[in-house]
Amino acid sequence: MRARSRHPAAPVRRTGALAALLVAVLALASCSSSGSGSSAPTTAEDASARAVDLDQGWTWNKQPGPMELGVTHTRQSLDDTEPAEARERGTQILAGSGEEYQNHHLMGFGTLNPEPAPGQYDWSSLDRRMQLTKDTGGKAMLTLCCSPDWMKGGQPGQTDWSTIEQAPTPDHYGDYATLAAEAVTRYPQVDRVMVWNEFKGFFDDGQNRWNYENYTNFYNQVYKAVKAARPDIQVGGPYVVMDSVAQGSPFASDVSGPWGTLDRRPLEVLDYWLKNKAGADFAVVDGSTTNKGVQDAISPVDVGAQKFGVVQDWISKRAPELPVWWAEFYANVPADAKAGYDTEASAVSTLAVVASMSRSGAGGALLWGPEGDEGLDYSSLWTPASEASGGQPTPLTDPWRWLVPRLRDGDVEIGRSQTNSLAAFRDADGNALLMNLSENPVTVPGQEDLPGWSVVEVPATT
């Protein structure tokens, strides 16, 4: 796991008696830097006192179609080993977005080996995760990764977690396909599956490229088995990392921008898979805002986020019938900003990526690790529930819950100021989510400055 277009529609402008939408900026930020909670939206009274014009000097693009947001549960995620009160707080946050996709892995990332020996199944841990999804009103999704040891050279009945990133050997592709079919039969609530994760175990060291031939063989066997068991289920791949590299890299493609240059090797994967797949209902990729091996983002952060729209465009030109899903996405922050599961900079950077995805027509995106983890410098939705004081909201919590139903409805405008670092989402009713995409305060004439890395949720004014 890595630390990570359709052309936009014509700008949409709103008119009316006021000639512009007025949005309040009195609130400093939706959450404090400690991640201890979120402020309430500004009131209509506040809005009349302090407002900024979101039409003059702004460019707006209409969301091309519905976009699903969801989360991928990882190693620790509201498990029954965590303190009850912290777990309850986190559970309420998870339930707060309504019918949001919750993705689980068949093995690993919080679930145990589902078939330790041939024909001997252990669904206990995945059962618990599926129950969590049911209890919180989510929609179930399954990543068909990873592989029991006996399918990759290990001993039946044993599980060596150090080999989690090894793929099944080709002679066991059929066994894995059978396991996948068993899983989707056991969990009829799962309506979408992704085949494998980041091409783990499919790299050809000799040729220094991905072994897309073996993966596609594997994918096709899994696809056919899953569809035979559940014709209704949606199946997608290839779940490859859309790495970008510096210009001049020996792996550079001809697709580039201010954010970097796409590595040609994942593009080769997509080209081969699209031509040789047995079938697919959606395409799956993941990526980050920075070049491979680089952690610091370009400022403002929406420059790096442009990459997600470019990838969307590249895939859509070759497979316009396939919605593009981002199985993972990683929004880095500039060198002078603080990254983390509960920092404003990471929350705003995450929202900048979601803006790029939604503006370019992505079908869906999954947030990796909704529970905070000290080892992962990206936004989460609640602080670690492994701590008694955990399960608290983060700066991303309220904005995420605001976006989930609205992006799913497909009627959101994505706006960008042409004169400063402000960006916004705006729904059909005129409610807005206003963001400052940099560390620098934005001057609002006659009002208080809007602080850096702010996210402000405000209602429409009349």
Protein backbone atom coordinates (compact mmCIF):
# COMPACT_ATOMS: atom_id res chain seq x y z
CA MET A 1 0.00 0.00 0.00
CA ARG A 2 1.32 3.43 -0.97
CA ALA A 3 1.36 6.78 0.79
CA ARG A 4 -0.82 8.54 -2.90
CA SER A 5 -10.97 13.00 -18.06
CA ARG A 6 -13.63 13.40 -19.20
CA HIS A 7 -13.30 17.04 -20.04
CA PRO A 8 -15.13 19.13 -17.46
CA ALA A 9 -18.54 20.39 -18.38
CA ALA A 10 -18.88 24.00 -19.31
CA PRO A 11 -18.82 26.36 -16.34
CA VAL A 12 -22.20 26.73 -14.67
CA ARG A 13 -23.19 30.13 -13.36
CA ARG A 14 -26.11 30.88 -11.07
CA THR A 15 -28.15 34.02 -11.45
CA GLY A 16 -30.91 35.55 -9.41
CA ALA A 17 -32.02 38.68 -7.63
CA LEU A 18 -28.78 38.82 -5.70
CA ALA A 19 -26.70 38.06 -8.83
CA ALA A 20 -24.52 35.74 -6.76
CA LEU A 21 -24.63 33.10 -4.09
CA LEU A 22 -23.47 34.43 -0.74
CA VAL A 23 -21.75 31.99 1.59
CA ALA A 24 -20.72 32.66 5.14
CA VAL A 25 -17.12 32.42 6.25
CA LEU A 26 -17.46 33.35 9.91
CA ALA A 27 -16.62 29.81 11.10
CA LEU A 28 -12.89 29.23 11.18
CA ALA A 29 -12.85 25.52 10.40
CA SER A 30 -15.13 22.54 10.69
CA CYS A 31 -12.83 20.90 13.23
CA SER A 32 -10.05 21.84 15.60
CA SER A 33 -6.52 20.67 14.91
CA SER A 34 -6.79 18.16 17.72
CA GLY A 35 -9.63 16.39 15.93
CA SER A 36 -11.78 16.63 19.03
CA GLY A 37 -14.95 17.55 17.16
CA SER A 38 -16.65 19.49 14.39
CA SER A 39 -18.32 22.85 14.57
CA ALA A 40 -21.92 23.24 13.51
CA PRO A 41 -22.68 24.87 10.15
CA THR A 42 -22.89 28.64 10.28
CA THR A 43 -26.38 29.97 10.78
CA ALA A 44 -28.43 32.16 8.45
CA GLU A 45 -27.82 35.04 10.87
CA ASP A 46 -24.07 34.56 10.54
CA ALA A 47 -24.42 34.34 6.77
CA SER A 48 -26.07 37.75 6.57
CA ALA A 49 -23.26 39.24 8.64
CA ARG A 50 -20.24 37.82 6.87
CA ALA A 51 -20.39 36.57 3.31
CA VAL A 52 -18.28 36.07 0.20
CA ASP A 53 -19.36 36.05 -3.45
CA LEU A 54 -18.95 32.54 -4.90
CA ASP A 55 -19.72 33.55 -8.48
CA GLN A 56 -17.59 36.57 -9.25
CA GLY A 57 -14.13 35.31 -10.20
CA TRP A 58 -15.06 31.62 -9.82
CA THR A 59 -15.19 28.77 -12.33
CA TRP A 60 -17.83 26.08 -11.78
CA ASN A 61 -18.15 22.62 -13.30
CA LYS A 62 -21.17 20.36 -12.99
CA GLN A 63 -20.59 16.83 -11.75
CA PRO A 64 -20.94 14.63 -14.93
CA GLY A 65 -22.80 11.89 -13.07
CA PRO A 66 -23.31 10.17 -9.71
CA MET A 67 -20.23 9.26 -7.67
CA GLU A 68 -20.23 6.82 -4.75
CA LEU A 69 -18.00 7.48 -1.75
CA GLY A 70 -17.06 4.74 0.69
CA VAL A 71 -14.43 3.40 3.04
CA THR A 72 -12.15 0.39 3.21
CA HIS A 73 -11.86 -1.12 6.68
CA THR A 74 -8.29 -2.04 7.56
CA ARG A 75 -6.47 -3.81 10.38
CA GLN A 76 -8.21 -1.95 13.22
CA SER A 77 -11.71 -0.71 12.56
CA LEU A 78 -14.31 -0.74 15.36
CA ASP A 79 -13.42 -4.29 16.40
CA ASP A 80 -14.82 -5.81 19.60
CA THR A 81 -11.32 -5.74 21.14
CA GLU A 82 -11.48 -1.95 21.33
CA PRO A 83 -12.88 0.00 24.32
CA ALA A 84 -16.68 -0.03 24.15
CA GLU A 85 -17.25 3.73 24.44
CA ALA A 86 -14.64 4.60 21.81
CA ARG A 87 -16.03 1.94 19.51
CA GLU A 88 -19.57 3.28 19.98
CA ARG A 89 -18.48 6.83 19.08
CA GLY A 90 -16.77 5.58 15.94
CA THR A 91 -19.77 3.45 15.03
CA GLN A 92 -22.05 6.48 15.21
CA ILE A 93 -19.73 8.36 12.85
CA LEU A 94 -19.66 5.44 10.42
CA ALA A 95 -23.46 5.26 10.47
CA GLY A 96 -23.79 9.01 9.96
CA SER A 97 -23.25 8.97 6.19
CA GLY A 98 -26.15 6.64 5.51
CA GLU A 99 -25.90 4.12 2.67
CA GLU A 100 -22.16 4.41 2.14
CA TYR A 101 -20.05 1.62 0.66
CA GLN A 102 -17.95 -0.29 3.19
CA ASN A 103 -15.26 -2.43 1.62
CA HIS A 104 -13.63 -5.45 3.27
CA HIS A 105 -10.83 -7.78 2.19
CA LEU A 106 -11.40 -11.49 1.80
CA MET A 107 -8.16 -12.06 3.73
CA GLY A 108 -5.92 -9.63 5.55
CA PHE A 109 -6.42 -5.98 6.54
CA GLY A 110 -8.58 -7.00 9.48
CA THR A 111 -9.84 -10.42 8.37
CA LEU A 112 -8.34 -13.86 8.95
CA ASN A 113 -7.53 -16.67 6.54
CA PRO A 114 -10.92 -17.75 5.10
CA GLU A 115 -9.71 -21.17 3.91
CA PRO A 116 -6.68 -22.31 5.97
CA ALA A 117 -6.77 -25.73 4.29
CA PRO A 118 -8.57 -26.91 1.14
CA GLY A 119 -12.30 -27.00 1.78
CA GLN A 120 -11.96 -25.92 5.42
CA TYR A 121 -13.51 -22.47 5.81
CA ASP A 122 -13.31 -19.90 8.59
CA TRP A 123 -15.61 -16.97 7.95
CA SER A 124 -15.73 -15.71 11.54
CA SER A 125 -13.74 -12.49 11.12
CA LEU A 126 -15.37 -11.55 7.82
CA ASP A 127 -18.77 -12.31 9.34
CA ARG A 128 -18.03 -9.73 12.05
CA ARG A 129 -17.01 -7.11 9.51
CA MET A 130 -20.11 -7.74 7.40
CA GLN A 131 -22.24 -7.39 10.52
CA LEU A 132 -20.62 -4.02 11.20
CA THR A 133 -21.65 -2.88 7.73
CA LYS A 134 -25.21 -4.07 8.34
CA ASP A 135 -25.41 -2.47 11.79
CA THR A 136 -24.27 0.90 10.45
CA GLY A 137 -26.55 0.91 7.41
CA GLY A 138 -23.78 0.60 4.84
CA LYS A 139 -23.53 -1.19 1.52
CA ALA A 140 -21.14 -4.14 1.42
CA MET A 141 -18.22 -4.38 -0.99
CA LEU A 142 -15.49 -7.02 -1.10
CA THR A 143 -11.88 -6.95 -2.28
CA LEU A 144 -10.92 -10.43 -3.49
CA CYS A 145 -7.48 -10.41 -1.91
CA CYS A 146 -5.45 -11.98 -0.42
CA SER A 147 -4.53 -15.68 -0.74
CA PRO A 148 -4.43 -18.64 1.69
CA ASP A 149 -0.92 -20.03 2.12
CA TRP A 150 -1.62 -23.39 0.46
CA MET A 151 -2.47 -21.59 -2.77
CA LYS A 152 0.99 -20.00 -2.95
CA GLY A 153 3.39 -22.73 -1.84
CA GLY A 154 2.69 -22.80 1.91
CA GLN A 155 1.47 -25.61 4.09
CA PRO A 156 -2.25 -26.35 4.49
CA GLY A 157 -3.50 -25.34 7.92
CA GLN A 158 -0.81 -22.68 8.40
CA THR A 159 -0.98 -18.90 7.91
CA ASP A 160 2.24 -16.94 7.52
CA TRP A 161 1.22 -13.29 7.50
CA SER A 162 4.64 -12.24 6.21
CA THR A 163 3.59 -13.68 2.82
CA ILE A 164 0.34 -11.71 2.60
CA GLU A 165 1.53 -9.92 -0.56
CA GLN A 166 2.21 -13.11 -2.49
CA ALA A 167 -0.25 -14.04 -5.22
CA PRO A 168 -1.57 -17.55 -5.78
CA THR A 169 0.53 -19.66 -8.10
CA PRO A 170 -1.04 -20.20 -11.54
CA ASP A 171 -1.98 -23.81 -10.72
CA HIS A 172 -4.16 -22.47 -7.88
CA TYR A 173 -5.96 -19.69 -9.78
CA GLY A 174 -8.95 -22.02 -10.08
CA ASP A 175 -8.90 -22.73 -6.33
CA TYR A 176 -8.94 -19.03 -5.58
CA ALA A 177 -11.80 -18.53 -8.03
CA THR A 178 -13.75 -21.22 -6.18
CA LEU A 179 -13.07 -19.46 -2.86
CA ALA A 180 -14.26 -16.16 -4.35
CA ALA A 181 -17.48 -17.81 -5.48
CA GLU A 182 -18.00 -19.26 -2.00
CA ALA A 183 -17.58 -15.80 -0.49
CA VAL A 184 -20.07 -13.98 -2.69
CA THR A 185 -22.57 -16.81 -2.16
CA ARG A 186 -22.19 -16.55 1.62
CA TYR A 187 -22.60 -12.77 1.55
CA PRO A 188 -25.52 -11.92 -0.75
CA GLN A 189 -25.40 -8.36 0.58
CA VAL A 190 -22.15 -7.81 -1.36
CA ASP A 191 -23.09 -6.22 -4.67
CA ARG A 192 -19.61 -5.24 -5.92
CA VAL A 193 -16.21 -6.95 -5.84
CA MET A 194 -12.71 -5.87 -6.83
CA VAL A 195 -10.30 -8.55 -7.99
CA TRP A 196 -7.04 -8.45 -6.03
CA ASN A 197 -5.20 -5.46 -4.56
CA GLU A 198 -2.48 -3.33 -6.18
CA PHE A 199 -1.16 -6.25 -8.27
CA LYS A 200 0.46 -7.72 -5.15
CA GLY A 201 2.75 -10.58 -6.17
CA PHE A 202 2.35 -9.92 -9.89
CA PHE A 203 5.56 -7.96 -10.53
CA ASP A 204 8.06 -9.47 -12.97
CA ASP A 205 11.47 -8.55 -11.57
CA GLY A 206 13.28 -9.93 -14.62
CA GLN A 207 11.44 -7.63 -17.01
CA ASN A 208 10.94 -4.83 -14.45
CA ARG A 209 7.25 -4.59 -15.26
CA TRP A 210 3.91 -5.89 -14.06
CA ASN A 211 2.99 -9.42 -15.14
CA TYR A 212 -0.32 -8.37 -16.63
CA GLU A 213 -0.63 -11.64 -18.56
CA ASN A 214 -0.74 -13.75 -15.37
CA TYR A 215 -2.99 -11.26 -13.61
CA THR A 216 -5.49 -11.21 -16.46
CA ASN A 217 -5.55 -15.03 -16.51
CA PHE A 218 -6.21 -14.94 -12.77
CA TYR A 219 -8.83 -12.21 -13.11
CA ASN A 220 -10.69 -14.05 -15.86
CA GLN A 221 -10.99 -17.23 -13.81
CA VAL A 222 -12.24 -15.29 -10.79
CA TYR A 223 -14.62 -13.23 -12.91
CA LYS A 224 -16.23 -16.31 -14.47
CA ALA A 225 -16.58 -18.12 -11.14
CA VAL A 226 -18.11 -15.11 -9.38
CA LYS A 227 -20.53 -14.41 -12.22
CA ALA A 228 -21.55 -18.09 -12.32
CA ALA A 229 -22.34 -17.98 -8.59
CA ARG A 230 -23.87 -14.48 -8.57
CA PRO A 231 -24.79 -13.12 -12.04
CA ASP A 232 -26.08 -9.96 -10.38
CA ILE A 233 -22.80 -8.94 -8.76
CA GLN A 234 -20.57 -6.17 -10.19
CA VAL A 235 -16.96 -7.24 -10.84
CA GLY A 236 -14.02 -4.92 -11.50
CA GLY A 237 -10.25 -4.85 -11.96
CA PRO A 238 -7.33 -4.56 -12.43
CA TYR A 239 -6.71 -2.50 -9.22
CA VAL A 240 -3.30 -1.27 -10.36
CA VAL A 241 -1.43 1.67 -8.82
CA MET A 242 -1.31 4.66 -11.17
CA ASP A 243 2.18 5.73 -10.19
CA SER A 244 3.57 8.96 -11.54
CA VAL A 245 7.26 9.70 -11.97
CA ALA A 246 9.47 12.67 -12.68
CA GLN A 247 9.93 13.74 -16.28
CA GLY A 248 13.03 12.05 -17.68
CA SER A 249 12.41 8.81 -15.78
CA PRO A 250 13.07 5.70 -17.90
CA PHE A 251 9.50 4.65 -17.09
CA ALA A 252 7.88 7.93 -18.12
CA SER A 253 4.88 7.79 -20.42
CA ASP A 254 3.69 10.57 -22.70
CA VAL A 255 0.94 11.54 -20.22
CA SER A 256 2.11 14.41 -18.05
CA GLY A 257 1.14 17.63 -16.34
CA PRO A 258 2.27 19.94 -13.54
CA TRP A 259 1.60 17.03 -11.13
CA GLY A 260 4.21 14.75 -12.83
CA THR A 261 4.25 12.07 -15.55
CA LEU A 262 2.34 8.79 -15.48
CA ASP A 263 4.50 5.67 -15.23
CA ARG A 264 3.99 3.76 -18.50
CA ARG A 265 3.91 0.36 -16.76
CA PRO A 266 0.44 0.65 -15.16
CA LEU A 267 -0.81 2.02 -18.47
CA GLU A 268 0.48 -1.16 -20.11
CA VAL A 269 -1.48 -3.15 -17.52
CA LEU A 270 -4.69 -1.33 -18.35
CA ASP A 271 -4.15 -1.64 -22.09
CA TYR A 272 -3.66 -5.41 -21.88
CA TRP A 273 -6.44 -6.01 -19.35
CA LEU A 274 -8.98 -3.98 -21.31
CA LYS A 275 -8.25 -5.99 -24.45
CA ASN A 276 -8.12 -9.45 -22.83
CA LYS A 277 -10.52 -9.42 -19.87
CA ALA A 278 -13.40 -11.91 -19.82
CA GLY A 279 -15.69 -9.07 -18.80
CA ALA A 280 -15.96 -6.21 -16.31
CA ASP A 281 -18.55 -3.89 -14.83
CA PHE A 282 -16.10 -1.19 -13.75
CA ALA A 283 -12.39 -0.37 -13.85
CA VAL A 284 -10.36 -0.14 -10.62
CA VAL A 285 -7.20 1.91 -10.00
CA ASP A 286 -5.51 3.74 -7.16
CA GLY A 287 -2.90 6.44 -6.79
CA SER A 288 -1.47 9.40 -4.93
CA THR A 289 -0.99 13.10 -5.62
CA THR A 290 2.80 12.91 -5.75
CA ASN A 291 5.48 11.23 -7.85
CA LYS A 292 6.76 7.82 -6.80
CA GLY A 293 9.11 8.12 -3.82
CA VAL A 294 8.07 11.71 -3.08
CA GLN A 295 5.98 12.64 -0.04
CA ASP A 296 5.60 16.42 -0.37
CA ALA A 297 2.69 17.75 -2.41
CA ILE A 298 2.72 20.70 -4.75
CA SER A 299 1.03 23.82 -3.38
CA PRO A 300 -1.84 24.54 -3.85
CA VAL A 301 -2.85 20.95 -3.32
CA ASP A 302 -5.38 20.82 -6.13
CA VAL A 303 -2.51 20.91 -8.63
CA GLY A 304 -1.43 17.41 -7.61
CA ALA A 305 -5.08 16.35 -7.52
CA GLN A 306 -5.36 17.08 -11.26
CA LYS A 307 -3.71 13.69 -11.85
CA PHE A 308 -6.92 11.89 -10.88
CA GLY A 309 -8.85 13.62 -13.63
CA VAL A 310 -6.15 12.84 -16.18
CA VAL A 311 -6.26 9.13 -15.32
CA GLN A 312 -10.06 9.18 -15.55
CA ASP A 313 -9.84 10.74 -19.01
CA TRP A 314 -7.21 8.23 -20.21
CA ILE A 315 -9.33 5.23 -19.18
CA SER A 316 -12.62 6.70 -20.40
CA LYS A 317 -11.23 7.26 -23.88
CA ARG A 318 -10.40 3.54 -24.11
CA ALA A 319 -13.35 2.11 -22.21
CA PRO A 320 -16.17 4.68 -22.05
CA GLU A 321 -18.60 1.99 -20.88
CA LEU A 322 -16.68 1.30 -17.66
CA PRO A 323 -17.13 3.51 -14.59
CA VAL A 324 -13.77 4.23 -12.92
CA TRP A 325 -13.42 3.44 -9.23
CA TRP A 326 -10.54 4.62 -7.07
CA ALA A 327 -9.98 1.73 -4.64
CA GLU A 328 -7.46 3.83 -2.73
CA PHE A 329 -6.35 7.43 -3.01
CA TYR A 330 -3.66 9.26 -1.10
CA ALA A 331 -3.57 13.03 -0.75
CA ASN A 332 -0.18 14.28 0.37
CA VAL A 333 0.40 17.70 1.92
CA PRO A 334 3.12 20.30 1.23
CA ALA A 335 6.36 20.09 3.17
CA ASP A 336 5.41 22.90 5.54
CA ALA A 337 2.04 21.39 6.46
CA LYS A 338 1.24 18.76 9.06
CA ALA A 339 -0.03 15.44 7.73
CA GLY A 340 -2.05 12.97 9.75
CA TYR A 341 -5.39 11.28 10.31
CA ASP A 342 -6.72 14.28 12.27
CA THR A 343 -5.07 17.33 10.68
CA GLU A 344 -6.80 20.07 8.71
CA ALA A 345 -4.15 19.98 5.96
CA SER A 346 -4.74 16.29 5.24
CA ALA A 347 -8.52 16.76 5.32
CA VAL A 348 -8.42 19.63 2.83
CA SER A 349 -5.97 17.75 0.58
CA THR A 350 -8.33 14.76 0.61
CA LEU A 351 -11.25 16.98 -0.38
CA ALA A 352 -9.20 18.45 -3.24
CA VAL A 353 -8.74 14.93 -4.63
CA VAL A 354 -12.46 14.18 -4.25
CA ALA A 355 -13.17 17.42 -6.13
CA SER A 356 -10.92 16.34 -9.01
CA MET A 357 -12.52 12.89 -9.15
CA SER A 358 -16.10 14.16 -9.06
CA ARG A 359 -15.44 16.90 -11.62
CA SER A 360 -13.94 14.38 -14.08
CA GLY A 361 -16.69 11.77 -13.74
CA ALA A 362 -15.36 9.05 -11.44
CA GLY A 363 -17.85 6.34 -10.53
CA GLY A 364 -16.62 5.88 -6.98
CA ALA A 365 -13.81 6.32 -4.46
CA LEU A 366 -12.92 4.51 -1.24
CA LEU A 367 -11.14 6.11 1.71
CA TRP A 368 -8.45 3.74 2.97
CA GLY A 369 -8.71 3.31 6.74
CA PRO A 370 -11.66 5.26 8.19
CA GLU A 371 -10.18 4.67 11.67
CA GLY A 372 -7.13 6.79 12.42
CA ASP A 373 -3.73 5.13 12.48
CA GLU A 374 -0.51 6.76 13.64
CA GLY A 375 1.35 4.87 10.89
CA LEU A 376 -0.64 6.39 8.03
CA ASP A 377 -0.34 10.11 7.29
CA TYR A 378 -3.71 10.54 5.62
CA SER A 379 -7.16 11.62 6.73
CA SER A 380 -9.51 9.29 8.56
CA LEU A 381 -13.07 9.72 9.80
CA TRP A 382 -12.51 9.02 13.50
CA THR A 383 -9.55 8.89 15.86
CA PRO A 384 -8.15 5.49 16.91
CA ALA A 385 -10.87 3.60 18.77
CA SER A 386 -8.15 1.40 20.25
CA GLU A 387 -7.73 4.22 22.77
CA ALA A 388 -10.34 4.85 25.47
CA SER A 389 -10.63 8.49 24.41
CA GLY A 390 -10.79 7.57 20.72
CA GLY A 391 -13.60 7.32 18.20
CA GLN A 392 -13.73 11.11 17.97
CA PRO A 393 -14.50 13.08 14.78
CA THR A 394 -11.65 14.45 12.67
CA PRO A 395 -11.57 17.49 10.37
CA LEU A 396 -12.75 15.24 7.51
CA THR A 397 -15.78 13.77 9.32
CA ASP A 398 -18.45 16.41 8.68
CA PRO A 399 -17.31 17.33 5.14
CA TRP A 400 -17.29 13.64 4.19
CA ARG A 401 -20.79 13.09 5.54
CA TRP A 402 -21.93 16.22 3.69
CA LEU A 403 -20.54 14.89 0.40
CA VAL A 404 -21.62 11.21 0.50
CA PRO A 405 -25.34 11.67 -0.29
CA ARG A 406 -24.88 14.70 -2.52
CA LEU A 407 -22.23 13.19 -4.81
CA ARG A 408 -24.31 10.01 -4.96
CA ASP A 409 -27.24 12.09 -6.23
CA GLY A 410 -24.99 13.44 -8.98
CA ASP A 411 -26.06 17.07 -8.78
CA VAL A 412 -23.03 18.83 -7.30
CA GLU A 413 -21.05 21.70 -8.76
CA ILE A 414 -17.32 21.93 -8.10
CA GLY A 415 -15.95 25.45 -7.97
CA ARG A 416 -12.53 27.10 -7.90
CA SER A 417 -11.72 30.74 -7.24
CA GLN A 418 -9.49 32.28 -9.91
CA THR A 419 -8.06 34.87 -7.52
CA ASN A 420 -7.16 32.97 -4.34
CA SER A 421 -6.84 29.47 -2.83
CA LEU A 422 -10.56 28.88 -2.22
CA ALA A 423 -12.50 25.96 -3.69
CA ALA A 424 -16.01 24.71 -3.03
CA PHE A 425 -18.67 22.06 -3.57
CA ARG A 426 -22.21 23.37 -4.08
CA ASP A 427 -25.41 21.33 -4.15
CA ALA A 428 -28.62 21.88 -6.11
CA ASP A 429 -30.14 23.88 -3.25
CA GLY A 430 -27.20 26.26 -2.99
CA ASN A 431 -25.68 24.75 0.16
CA ALA A 432 -21.90 24.81 -0.02
CA LEU A 433 -18.74 23.32 1.41
CA LEU A 434 -16.02 25.97 1.25
CA MET A 435 -12.32 25.06 1.46
CA ASN A 436 -9.08 26.99 1.75
CA LEU A 437 -6.56 24.83 -0.14
CA SER A 438 -3.43 26.40 1.34
CA GLU A 439 -1.85 27.31 4.66
CA ASN A 440 -2.25 31.02 3.95
CA PRO A 441 -5.28 32.95 5.21
CA VAL A 442 -7.54 34.34 2.51
CA THR A 443 -8.49 37.98 2.86
CA VAL A 444 -12.22 38.62 2.70
CA PRO A 445 -12.81 42.37 2.26
CA GLY A 446 -14.38 43.86 5.36
CA GLN A 447 -14.39 40.53 7.20
CA GLU A 448 -12.09 38.29 9.18
CA ASP A 449 -9.54 36.34 7.15
CA LEU A 450 -10.43 32.75 6.31
CA PRO A 451 -7.65 30.71 7.97
CA GLY A 452 -5.43 28.31 6.07
CA TRP A 453 -6.61 24.71 5.69
CA SER A 454 -10.18 25.67 6.60
CA VAL A 455 -13.29 23.70 5.72
CA VAL A 456 -16.57 25.53 6.28
CA GLU A 457 -19.99 23.97 5.82
CA VAL A 458 -22.71 26.57 5.25
CA PRO A 459 -26.36 26.64 4.16
CA ALA A 460 -27.72 28.48 1.16
CA THR A 461 -28.80 32.06 1.66
CA THR A 462 -31.94 33.63 0.27
